[in-house]
Amino acid sequence: MGWLVLLLLLVLILGGAGFVLHLLWWIAIIAVALLLIGFVLPRGGGRWYRW
């Protein structure tokens, strides 16, 4: 019975980690898209961010 609980806990942890990693990939894709838009469409004669 203890092994079953441990296995279910492991599945829940790995499933949650997979969801978080999937979410982080989407955030990274959106950030790169915004960065590329900043390079293509500068506002006010300069970039919208500062390095």
Protein backbone atom coordinates (compact mmCIF):
# COMPACT_ATOMS: atom_id res chain seq x y z
CA MET A 1 0.00 0.00 0.00
CA GLY A 2 2.88 2.37 0.81
CA TRP A 3 4.44 1.78 -2.58
CA LEU A 4 1.18 2.61 -4.32
CA VAL A 5 0.90 5.92 -2.46
CA LEU A 6 4.55 6.69 -3.26
CA LEU A 7 3.98 5.89 -6.93
CA LEU A 8 0.88 8.09 -7.09
CA LEU A 9 2.78 10.92 -5.41
CA LEU A 10 5.59 10.57 -7.93
CA VAL A 11 3.13 10.65 -10.83
CA LEU A 12 1.47 13.78 -9.43
CA ILE A 13 4.82 15.55 -8.94
CA LEU A 14 6.07 14.68 -12.43
CA GLY A 15 2.74 15.66 -13.98
CA GLY A 16 2.82 19.01 -12.21
CA ALA A 17 6.43 19.59 -13.28
CA GLY A 18 5.49 18.77 -16.87
CA PHE A 19 2.67 21.32 -16.79
CA VAL A 20 4.97 24.00 -15.33
CA LEU A 21 7.64 23.31 -17.98
CA HIS A 22 5.00 23.51 -20.71
CA LEU A 23 3.84 26.85 -19.31
CA LEU A 24 7.43 28.15 -19.16
CA TRP A 25 7.96 27.20 -22.82
CA TRP A 26 4.93 29.28 -23.81
CA ILE A 27 6.17 32.23 -21.74
CA ALA A 28 9.60 31.96 -23.41
CA ILE A 29 8.02 31.88 -26.89
CA ILE A 30 5.94 34.99 -26.12
CA ALA A 31 9.01 36.81 -24.73
CA VAL A 32 11.05 36.04 -27.86
CA ALA A 33 8.17 37.17 -30.07
CA LEU A 34 7.97 40.50 -28.18
CA LEU A 35 11.74 40.93 -28.47
CA LEU A 36 11.62 40.36 -32.24
CA ILE A 37 8.72 42.80 -32.58
CA GLY A 38 10.84 45.34 -30.68
CA PHE A 39 13.64 44.91 -33.22
CA VAL A 40 11.31 45.19 -36.22
CA LEU A 41 9.10 48.05 -35.01
CA PRO A 42 11.15 50.57 -33.00
CA ARG A 43 9.21 53.41 -31.36
CA GLY A 44 10.40 56.98 -30.99
CA GLY A 45 13.59 56.51 -32.95
CA GLY A 46 14.93 53.91 -30.53
CA ARG A 47 14.23 50.57 -29.03
CA TRP A 48 11.47 50.07 -26.46
CA TYR A 49 13.96 48.45 -24.13
CA ARG A 50 17.49 49.27 -22.98
CA TRP A 51 20.40 46.83 -22.79
